[in-house]
Amino acid sequence: MAQVTNYNLDQKFDFTAAVKKVIFILGGIGALLLVFGIIMAATGGHGHGDEGGHGFHWTQRLYANLWINNVYFTGIAIIGVFFFAIQYAAQAGWSTALLRIMLSFGYWLPIAAVLMLVTFFIANHDLFHWTHSYVFDKAGDHYDRIIDGKGNFFYWPMEKGSFPIFYIVRMVLFFGFWVFFFNKLRTLSNEEDINGGTSYWYTIRKWSAIFLVFFAVSSSISAWDWVMSIDTHWFSTLFGWYVFASWFVAGLSALTLVTIFLKDQGYLEMINQNHIHDLGKFVFAFSIFWTYIWFSQFLLIYYANIPEESVYFVERLSSDVYGSYIFVNLILNFALPFLVLMTRDAKRHNIFLKLVCTLIIVGHWVDFFLMVQPGTLGHNGGVGLMEIGMLLVYASAFAFVALTNLSKHNLVPKNHPMLEESYHHHI
């Protein structure tokens, strides 16, 4: 460890008043835009009514936005923990100096759990068609055979249309276990700093492996529950992968931005251009992976041409409100990262990475916007002040929580057995 000790391994991130000020200003601008967006929607933005014949109300748009951001930032948070676990399962050494940044994302999970549950209990009828009891009433005019067939997935063991206990239990279990695994990994990582030795590395690897198995199942089912069930008639066998890919690219982009931000502030001397290059490669590769999944889902549905599947894309592509955002989605999440990050040099230039990663984070928000809004708001949706404001509020809150907790412990896991390997990382 001789060379590594040249560095200050007890270095902590100082979350300065200046950085907090920037975050608060962004959050404040977001809050103002959100308030103006709500006022505009409440005073003038009444649509023509939605599917059920009920008049459209501005609160529905607010709820849809809450849901988009809840699901999106939950994903970025859990990807931090997922990527941390991957490093141990793969016995990777190059990323040792980045481990604490990955873990810092996980601090959002308890907040996300509360936000998801509260939003669901307040807004479920405005977000999910299957929560209305009349769709399960065989004698009623609004009986829906397809939703009735899927009803047990939400309501078992209770009567369909009553309280979706099976759905809620899944949500609580997933968040409960995610927070449990996060706390376990975080505690072990911090104890390693104090006590040293290799036993912690083996223990963290064991817990990481268990978490990864649980994550594989829970991330897919949560994607069906929280997003796919909005369009209850539609289904895609690729959907779990699709949501994971979107979360993963956004999480990698956030990790890259925080790493570059810390480097710019003079921290993480151990991190060199080779580490930055690797992060750039991950962002580049998984942007292409996301596109592959997007195109696979689209192509399978396109050439099978089954009405209940193709309606998902038809109602988005042919919509005046959402049609253009399909192309925004593909440009921001595929074309730009692909063209800008293609060369080796681009992946080593902070300015390119800052630009691309910021656009990807916005781009994958657009991806979730396209998954949620058409099924909840129909033609009453769109991107306006409310959407931009809500995104800024959530992003600022997420950044504040992650950076606050990042500043509480050493930035680098100083007793990690592979620290030397990270120090000598060269590609």
Protein backbone atom coordinates (compact mmCIF):
# COMPACT_ATOMS: atom_id res chain seq x y z
CA MET A 1 0.00 0.00 0.00
CA ALA A 2 3.05 2.27 -0.10
CA GLN A 3 2.02 4.35 -3.07
CA VAL A 4 -1.63 4.65 -2.09
CA THR A 5 -0.65 6.21 1.22
CA ASN A 6 0.66 9.25 -0.69
CA TYR A 7 -2.99 10.23 -0.88
CA ASN A 8 -5.14 11.53 1.93
CA LEU A 9 -7.27 8.42 2.43
CA ASP A 10 -9.24 10.08 5.25
CA GLN A 11 -10.47 12.77 2.88
CA LYS A 12 -14.09 13.78 3.31
CA PHE A 13 -16.31 15.70 0.94
CA ASP A 14 -17.07 19.14 2.30
CA PHE A 15 -20.64 19.96 1.25
CA THR A 16 -20.04 23.71 1.10
CA ALA A 17 -22.58 26.48 1.45
CA ALA A 18 -21.86 27.51 -2.17
CA VAL A 19 -22.80 24.06 -3.53
CA LYS A 20 -25.90 23.92 -1.32
CA LYS A 21 -26.88 27.35 -2.59
CA VAL A 22 -26.77 26.17 -6.21
CA ILE A 23 -28.93 23.15 -5.35
CA PHE A 24 -31.41 25.29 -3.41
CA ILE A 25 -31.61 27.84 -6.24
CA LEU A 26 -32.34 25.06 -8.77
CA GLY A 27 -34.91 23.55 -6.41
CA GLY A 28 -36.44 26.99 -5.85
CA ILE A 29 -36.71 27.65 -9.59
CA GLY A 30 -38.31 24.21 -9.94
CA ALA A 31 -40.79 24.94 -7.14
CA LEU A 32 -41.74 28.28 -8.75
CA LEU A 33 -42.24 26.69 -12.17
CA LEU A 34 -44.28 23.94 -10.53
CA VAL A 35 -46.53 26.45 -8.73
CA PHE A 36 -47.01 28.50 -11.93
CA GLY A 37 -47.73 25.29 -13.85
CA ILE A 38 -50.36 24.26 -11.29
CA ILE A 39 -51.97 27.73 -11.34
CA MET A 40 -52.09 27.72 -15.15
CA ALA A 41 -53.55 24.20 -15.22
CA ALA A 42 -56.09 25.00 -12.51
CA THR A 43 -57.32 28.22 -14.15
CA GLY A 44 -57.30 27.37 -17.83
CA GLY A 45 -56.10 23.91 -18.71
CA HIS A 46 -59.28 21.83 -18.68
CA GLY A 47 -59.29 19.20 -21.39
CA HIS A 48 -62.22 17.57 -23.09
CA GLY A 49 -62.59 14.77 -20.60
CA ASP A 50 -60.92 11.39 -20.47
CA GLU A 51 -61.88 7.83 -21.29
CA GLY A 52 -64.27 7.19 -18.43
CA GLY A 53 -66.35 10.23 -19.31
CA HIS A 54 -65.12 12.11 -16.26
CA GLY A 55 -63.96 15.71 -16.72
CA PHE A 56 -60.20 16.16 -16.73
CA HIS A 57 -58.79 17.89 -13.68
CA TRP A 58 -55.37 19.53 -13.19
CA THR A 59 -54.69 17.31 -10.16
CA GLN A 60 -54.49 14.32 -12.52
CA ARG A 61 -51.57 15.94 -14.29
CA LEU A 62 -49.92 16.69 -10.95
CA TYR A 63 -50.31 13.07 -9.86
CA ALA A 64 -48.95 11.75 -13.16
CA ASN A 65 -45.87 13.96 -12.70
CA LEU A 66 -45.40 12.77 -9.14
CA TRP A 67 -45.54 9.18 -10.35
CA ILE A 68 -43.05 9.75 -13.20
CA ASN A 69 -40.49 11.33 -10.86
CA ASN A 70 -41.08 8.86 -8.03
CA VAL A 71 -40.42 5.89 -10.29
CA TYR A 72 -37.52 7.58 -12.10
CA PHE A 73 -35.56 8.70 -9.04
CA THR A 74 -36.29 5.44 -7.20
CA GLY A 75 -34.58 3.79 -10.15
CA ILE A 76 -31.49 6.02 -10.01
CA ALA A 77 -31.23 5.37 -6.25
CA ILE A 78 -31.48 1.60 -6.49
CA ILE A 79 -29.05 1.54 -9.45
CA GLY A 80 -26.42 3.11 -7.16
CA VAL A 81 -26.77 0.15 -4.79
CA PHE A 82 -26.99 -2.31 -7.70
CA PHE A 83 -23.78 -1.02 -9.31
CA PHE A 84 -22.01 -1.14 -5.92
CA ALA A 85 -23.07 -4.79 -5.54
CA ILE A 86 -21.93 -5.60 -9.08
CA GLN A 87 -18.38 -4.40 -8.24
CA TYR A 88 -18.14 -6.93 -5.42
CA ALA A 89 -19.85 -9.79 -7.25
CA ALA A 90 -17.47 -9.26 -10.21
CA GLN A 91 -14.49 -8.82 -7.83
CA ALA A 92 -13.71 -5.58 -9.62
CA GLY A 93 -10.84 -3.44 -8.37
CA TRP A 94 -10.76 -0.50 -10.79
CA SER A 95 -13.85 1.09 -9.26
CA THR A 96 -12.81 0.99 -5.59
CA ALA A 97 -12.40 4.77 -5.31
CA LEU A 98 -15.94 5.26 -6.70
CA LEU A 99 -17.78 2.90 -4.33
CA ARG A 100 -18.88 5.57 -1.86
CA ILE A 101 -20.48 7.65 -4.60
CA MET A 102 -22.54 4.66 -5.72
CA LEU A 103 -23.70 4.03 -2.16
CA SER A 104 -24.66 7.69 -1.62
CA PHE A 105 -27.53 7.27 -4.12
CA GLY A 106 -29.14 4.65 -1.89
CA TYR A 107 -29.97 7.22 0.80
CA TRP A 108 -32.87 8.34 -1.39
CA LEU A 109 -34.58 4.92 -1.08
CA PRO A 110 -36.39 5.45 2.28
CA ILE A 111 -37.68 8.82 1.02
CA ALA A 112 -38.71 7.22 -2.29
CA ALA A 113 -40.60 4.49 -0.41
CA VAL A 114 -42.69 7.05 1.50
CA LEU A 115 -43.32 9.14 -1.64
CA MET A 116 -44.42 6.10 -3.66
CA LEU A 117 -46.82 4.80 -1.02
CA VAL A 118 -48.32 8.21 -0.25
CA THR A 119 -48.73 9.04 -3.96
CA PHE A 120 -50.38 5.68 -4.60
CA PHE A 121 -52.91 6.10 -1.79
CA ILE A 122 -53.78 9.65 -2.86
CA ALA A 123 -53.71 9.23 -6.63
CA ASN A 124 -54.39 5.59 -7.47
CA HIS A 125 -57.74 6.19 -9.22
CA ASP A 126 -56.20 8.89 -11.41
CA LEU A 127 -53.21 6.77 -12.38
CA PHE A 128 -54.42 3.18 -12.65
CA HIS A 129 -57.57 2.13 -14.49
CA TRP A 130 -57.60 -1.20 -12.65
CA THR A 131 -58.19 0.49 -9.25
CA HIS A 132 -61.81 1.32 -10.19
CA SER A 133 -64.21 -1.26 -8.78
CA TYR A 134 -66.67 -0.80 -11.67
CA VAL A 135 -64.33 -2.56 -14.15
CA PHE A 136 -64.80 -5.77 -12.13
CA ASP A 137 -68.61 -5.53 -11.92
CA LYS A 138 -69.90 -8.08 -14.43
CA ALA A 139 -73.39 -6.55 -14.38
CA GLY A 140 -72.13 -3.00 -14.96
CA ASP A 141 -71.67 -1.05 -18.19
CA HIS A 142 -67.94 -0.58 -17.57
CA TYR A 143 -67.08 -4.25 -16.96
CA ASP A 144 -63.65 -5.05 -18.45
CA ARG A 145 -62.98 -8.73 -19.09
CA ILE A 146 -59.23 -8.28 -19.63
CA ILE A 147 -58.67 -6.28 -16.43
CA ASP A 148 -60.91 -8.71 -14.53
CA GLY A 149 -58.66 -11.52 -15.72
CA LYS A 150 -55.62 -9.74 -14.30
CA GLY A 151 -57.41 -8.63 -11.13
CA ASN A 152 -55.95 -11.26 -8.82
CA PHE A 153 -52.44 -9.96 -9.54
CA PHE A 154 -53.45 -6.76 -7.74
CA TYR A 155 -56.13 -7.80 -5.24
CA TRP A 156 -55.44 -11.38 -4.11
CA PRO A 157 -56.61 -12.62 -1.59
CA MET A 158 -59.26 -9.89 -1.30
CA GLU A 159 -62.20 -9.20 -3.57
CA LYS A 160 -61.28 -7.53 -6.88
CA GLY A 161 -61.97 -3.81 -6.82
CA SER A 162 -61.66 -3.54 -3.03
CA PHE A 163 -58.18 -2.94 -1.59
CA PRO A 164 -55.18 -3.99 -3.77
CA ILE A 165 -53.43 -5.77 -0.92
CA PHE A 166 -51.20 -7.98 -3.10
CA TYR A 167 -49.97 -4.92 -5.00
CA ILE A 168 -49.26 -2.92 -1.82
CA VAL A 169 -47.51 -5.87 -0.15
CA ARG A 170 -45.18 -6.14 -3.16
CA MET A 171 -44.38 -2.42 -3.03
CA VAL A 172 -43.65 -2.53 0.71
CA LEU A 173 -41.59 -5.72 0.40
CA PHE A 174 -39.47 -4.41 -2.47
CA PHE A 175 -38.69 -1.11 -0.78
CA GLY A 176 -38.22 -2.84 2.57
CA PHE A 177 -35.65 -5.27 1.20
CA TRP A 178 -33.92 -2.64 -0.94
CA VAL A 179 -33.47 -0.39 2.10
CA PHE A 180 -32.38 -3.38 4.20
CA PHE A 181 -29.71 -4.44 1.66
CA PHE A 182 -28.56 -0.85 1.21
CA ASN A 183 -28.15 -0.38 4.97
CA LYS A 184 -26.35 -3.71 5.28
CA LEU A 185 -23.84 -2.91 2.51
CA ARG A 186 -23.35 0.66 3.75
CA THR A 187 -22.72 -0.42 7.35
CA LEU A 188 -20.24 -3.12 6.33
CA SER A 189 -18.39 -0.70 4.04
CA ASN A 190 -18.08 1.88 6.82
CA GLU A 191 -16.98 -0.73 9.37
CA GLU A 192 -14.24 -1.82 6.96
CA ASP A 193 -12.83 1.73 7.17
CA ILE A 194 -12.53 1.41 10.94
CA ASN A 195 -11.36 -2.18 11.35
CA GLY A 196 -9.60 -3.12 8.10
CA GLY A 197 -8.88 -6.71 7.04
CA THR A 198 -10.24 -8.73 4.14
CA SER A 199 -13.16 -10.34 5.97
CA TYR A 200 -15.42 -7.36 5.23
CA TRP A 201 -14.77 -7.68 1.51
CA TYR A 202 -15.91 -11.32 1.56
CA THR A 203 -18.97 -10.48 3.66
CA ILE A 204 -19.97 -7.61 1.36
CA ARG A 205 -19.51 -9.88 -1.66
CA LYS A 206 -21.85 -12.45 -0.11
CA TRP A 207 -24.54 -9.85 0.69
CA SER A 208 -24.09 -8.30 -2.77
CA ALA A 209 -24.75 -11.66 -4.45
CA ILE A 210 -27.94 -12.16 -2.42
CA PHE A 211 -29.08 -8.63 -3.20
CA LEU A 212 -28.46 -9.06 -6.94
CA VAL A 213 -30.69 -12.14 -7.08
CA PHE A 214 -33.44 -10.28 -5.24
CA PHE A 215 -32.97 -7.20 -7.42
CA ALA A 216 -33.29 -9.24 -10.63
CA VAL A 217 -36.77 -10.36 -9.60
CA SER A 218 -37.97 -7.23 -7.79
CA SER A 219 -36.87 -4.71 -10.44
CA SER A 220 -38.84 -6.58 -13.13
CA ILE A 221 -41.99 -7.00 -11.06
CA SER A 222 -41.85 -3.37 -9.88
CA ALA A 223 -41.67 -2.30 -13.54
CA TRP A 224 -44.87 -4.27 -14.25
CA ASP A 225 -46.58 -2.94 -11.14
CA TRP A 226 -45.61 0.70 -11.24
CA VAL A 227 -45.47 1.37 -14.98
CA MET A 228 -46.86 -1.40 -17.19
CA SER A 229 -50.09 -1.72 -15.18
CA ILE A 230 -50.98 1.88 -16.18
CA ASP A 231 -51.78 0.47 -19.64
CA THR A 232 -53.60 -2.56 -18.23
CA HIS A 233 -54.73 -4.00 -21.57
CA TRP A 234 -51.20 -3.91 -22.95
CA PHE A 235 -48.24 -6.06 -22.00
CA SER A 236 -44.68 -6.62 -23.09
CA THR A 237 -42.51 -9.58 -22.11
CA LEU A 238 -39.46 -7.30 -22.42
CA PHE A 239 -40.76 -4.61 -20.11
CA GLY A 240 -38.73 -5.49 -17.01
CA TRP A 241 -35.54 -5.30 -19.06
CA TYR A 242 -36.66 -2.10 -20.69
CA VAL A 243 -37.25 -0.21 -17.43
CA PHE A 244 -34.03 -1.60 -15.96
CA ALA A 245 -32.04 -0.42 -18.99
CA SER A 246 -33.54 3.07 -18.70
CA TRP A 247 -32.82 3.24 -14.96
CA PHE A 248 -29.29 1.89 -15.46
CA VAL A 249 -28.21 4.44 -18.06
CA ALA A 250 -29.66 7.28 -15.97
CA GLY A 251 -27.92 5.96 -12.84
CA LEU A 252 -24.57 5.59 -14.64
CA SER A 253 -24.90 9.14 -15.99
CA ALA A 254 -25.61 10.48 -12.50
CA LEU A 255 -22.61 8.56 -11.12
CA THR A 256 -20.37 10.01 -13.85
CA LEU A 257 -21.60 13.57 -13.19
CA VAL A 258 -20.98 13.30 -9.43
CA THR A 259 -17.51 11.83 -10.03
CA ILE A 260 -16.54 14.65 -12.41
CA PHE A 261 -18.03 17.23 -10.01
CA LEU A 262 -15.88 15.85 -7.14
CA LYS A 263 -12.78 15.82 -9.36
CA ASP A 264 -13.45 19.44 -10.34
CA GLN A 265 -13.69 20.32 -6.63
CA GLY A 266 -10.25 18.82 -6.01
CA TYR A 267 -11.33 15.52 -4.45
CA LEU A 268 -10.58 11.92 -5.44
CA GLU A 269 -6.95 12.37 -6.47
CA MET A 270 -6.80 8.61 -7.08
CA ILE A 271 -9.33 8.87 -9.89
CA ASN A 272 -7.55 9.47 -13.20
CA GLN A 273 -8.66 9.78 -16.82
CA ASN A 274 -8.73 5.99 -17.13
CA HIS A 275 -11.49 5.74 -14.52
CA ILE A 276 -13.39 8.54 -16.26
CA HIS A 277 -12.92 6.73 -19.57
CA ASP A 278 -14.42 3.55 -18.07
CA LEU A 279 -17.46 5.46 -16.83
CA GLY A 280 -17.81 6.95 -20.32
CA LYS A 281 -17.66 3.45 -21.80
CA PHE A 282 -20.40 2.25 -19.47
CA VAL A 283 -22.65 5.17 -20.40
CA PHE A 284 -21.92 4.63 -24.11
CA ALA A 285 -22.45 0.85 -23.98
CA PHE A 286 -25.66 0.90 -21.99
CA SER A 287 -27.14 3.68 -24.09
CA ILE A 288 -26.80 1.24 -26.98
CA PHE A 289 -28.17 -1.57 -24.80
CA TRP A 290 -31.24 0.55 -23.97
CA THR A 291 -31.73 1.26 -27.69
CA TYR A 292 -31.44 -2.44 -28.49
CA ILE A 293 -34.18 -3.21 -25.94
CA TRP A 294 -36.33 -0.30 -27.19
CA PHE A 295 -36.02 -1.48 -30.78
CA SER A 296 -36.55 -5.16 -29.90
CA GLN A 297 -39.79 -4.32 -28.10
CA PHE A 298 -40.92 -2.07 -30.94
CA LEU A 299 -39.98 -4.53 -33.70
CA LEU A 300 -41.60 -7.57 -32.07
CA ILE A 301 -44.83 -5.65 -31.58
CA TYR A 302 -44.64 -4.11 -35.07
CA TYR A 303 -44.25 -7.33 -37.04
CA ALA A 304 -46.63 -9.41 -34.91
CA ASN A 305 -49.21 -6.64 -35.44
CA ILE A 306 -51.50 -7.87 -32.66
CA PRO A 307 -53.97 -5.06 -31.90
CA GLU A 308 -53.73 -5.24 -28.10
CA GLU A 309 -49.94 -4.88 -28.33
CA SER A 310 -49.59 -2.38 -31.16
CA VAL A 311 -52.06 0.07 -29.57
CA TYR A 312 -49.31 1.10 -27.13
CA PHE A 313 -47.13 2.51 -29.91
CA VAL A 314 -50.01 3.65 -32.12
CA GLU A 315 -51.48 5.92 -29.44
CA ARG A 316 -48.04 7.45 -28.83
CA LEU A 317 -46.76 7.79 -32.39
CA SER A 318 -50.03 9.12 -33.82
CA SER A 319 -50.57 11.57 -30.95
CA ASP A 320 -50.18 15.32 -31.44
CA VAL A 321 -49.00 15.53 -27.83
CA TYR A 322 -46.56 12.61 -27.60
CA GLY A 323 -45.53 11.79 -31.17
CA SER A 324 -42.58 14.20 -31.27
CA TYR A 325 -41.30 13.02 -27.86
CA ILE A 326 -40.71 9.52 -29.25
CA PHE A 327 -38.06 11.10 -31.48
CA VAL A 328 -36.72 13.34 -28.68
CA ASN A 329 -36.38 10.13 -26.65
CA LEU A 330 -34.38 8.35 -29.36
CA ILE A 331 -32.18 11.38 -30.14
CA LEU A 332 -31.27 12.15 -26.51
CA ASN A 333 -30.83 8.54 -25.41
CA PHE A 334 -29.29 6.96 -28.48
CA ALA A 335 -28.18 9.26 -31.30
CA LEU A 336 -26.39 11.86 -29.15
CA PRO A 337 -24.54 9.49 -26.78
CA PHE A 338 -23.65 7.24 -29.71
CA LEU A 339 -22.23 10.00 -31.91
CA VAL A 340 -20.60 12.11 -29.19
CA LEU A 341 -19.03 9.32 -27.12
CA MET A 342 -17.93 7.11 -29.99
CA THR A 343 -14.25 8.11 -29.89
CA ARG A 344 -11.79 7.27 -27.13
CA ASP A 345 -10.94 10.94 -26.58
CA ALA A 346 -14.56 11.97 -26.06
CA LYS A 347 -14.89 9.48 -23.18
CA ARG A 348 -11.89 11.11 -21.49
CA HIS A 349 -13.06 14.73 -21.84
CA ASN A 350 -15.06 16.01 -18.92
CA ILE A 351 -16.91 18.58 -21.00
CA PHE A 352 -18.32 15.93 -23.38
CA LEU A 353 -19.27 13.65 -20.51
CA LYS A 354 -20.96 16.46 -18.56
CA LEU A 355 -23.02 17.42 -21.60
CA VAL A 356 -23.98 13.90 -22.63
CA CYS A 357 -24.75 12.67 -19.09
CA THR A 358 -26.95 15.69 -18.37
CA LEU A 359 -28.85 15.17 -21.63
CA ILE A 360 -29.22 11.44 -20.88
CA ILE A 361 -30.70 12.16 -17.45
CA VAL A 362 -33.23 14.47 -19.12
CA GLY A 363 -33.69 11.96 -21.95
CA HIS A 364 -34.54 9.05 -19.69
CA TRP A 365 -36.94 11.25 -17.77
CA VAL A 366 -38.64 11.76 -21.17
CA ASP A 367 -38.63 7.97 -21.53
CA PHE A 368 -40.60 7.57 -18.27
CA PHE A 369 -42.82 10.50 -19.23
CA LEU A 370 -43.74 8.54 -22.39
CA MET A 371 -44.42 5.40 -20.35
CA VAL A 372 -46.70 7.12 -17.81
CA GLN A 373 -48.50 10.14 -19.26
CA PRO A 374 -50.31 8.73 -22.33
CA GLY A 375 -51.97 6.01 -20.23
CA THR A 376 -52.94 8.36 -17.40
CA LEU A 377 -53.72 11.69 -19.08
CA GLY A 378 -54.44 10.82 -22.70
CA HIS A 379 -54.37 13.95 -24.86
CA ASN A 380 -54.33 16.21 -21.76
CA GLY A 381 -50.62 15.60 -21.15
CA GLY A 382 -47.47 17.21 -22.46
CA VAL A 383 -44.31 18.86 -21.15
CA GLY A 384 -44.98 22.23 -19.57
CA LEU A 385 -43.98 24.28 -16.54
CA MET A 386 -45.40 21.66 -14.19
CA GLU A 387 -43.23 18.89 -15.68
CA ILE A 388 -40.01 20.93 -15.78
CA GLY A 389 -40.63 22.29 -12.28
CA MET A 390 -41.30 18.87 -10.76
CA LEU A 391 -38.19 17.38 -12.40
CA LEU A 392 -36.01 20.21 -10.98
CA VAL A 393 -37.52 19.81 -7.50
CA TYR A 394 -36.90 16.06 -7.46
CA ALA A 395 -33.40 16.32 -8.97
CA SER A 396 -32.39 18.99 -6.42
CA ALA A 397 -33.80 16.98 -3.51
CA PHE A 398 -32.05 13.83 -4.73
CA ALA A 399 -28.72 15.66 -5.14
CA PHE A 400 -29.05 17.24 -1.70
CA VAL A 401 -29.76 13.89 0.02
CA ALA A 402 -26.94 12.06 -1.82
CA LEU A 403 -24.29 14.78 -1.26
CA THR A 404 -25.28 15.36 2.38
CA ASN A 405 -24.75 11.69 3.16
CA LEU A 406 -21.63 11.46 0.99
CA SER A 407 -20.05 14.14 3.21
CA LYS A 408 -20.54 12.09 6.41
CA HIS A 409 -17.95 9.37 5.73
CA ASN A 410 -14.58 9.00 4.03
CA LEU A 411 -14.80 9.50 0.27
CA VAL A 412 -12.55 6.51 -0.41
CA PRO A 413 -12.88 3.10 1.31
CA LYS A 414 -9.33 3.29 2.72
CA ASN A 415 -9.06 -0.34 3.88
CA HIS A 416 -10.53 -1.92 0.77
CA PRO A 417 -8.19 -4.78 -0.28
CA MET A 418 -8.23 -3.66 -3.93
CA LEU A 419 -7.38 -0.01 -3.40
CA GLU A 420 -3.95 -0.50 -4.93
CA GLU A 421 -5.51 -1.93 -8.09
CA SER A 422 -7.77 1.13 -8.42
CA TYR A 423 -4.76 3.41 -7.93
CA HIS A 424 -2.85 1.71 -10.77
CA HIS A 425 -5.84 1.47 -13.10
CA HIS A 426 -4.75 2.07 -16.67
CA ILE A 427 -6.45 1.33 -19.99
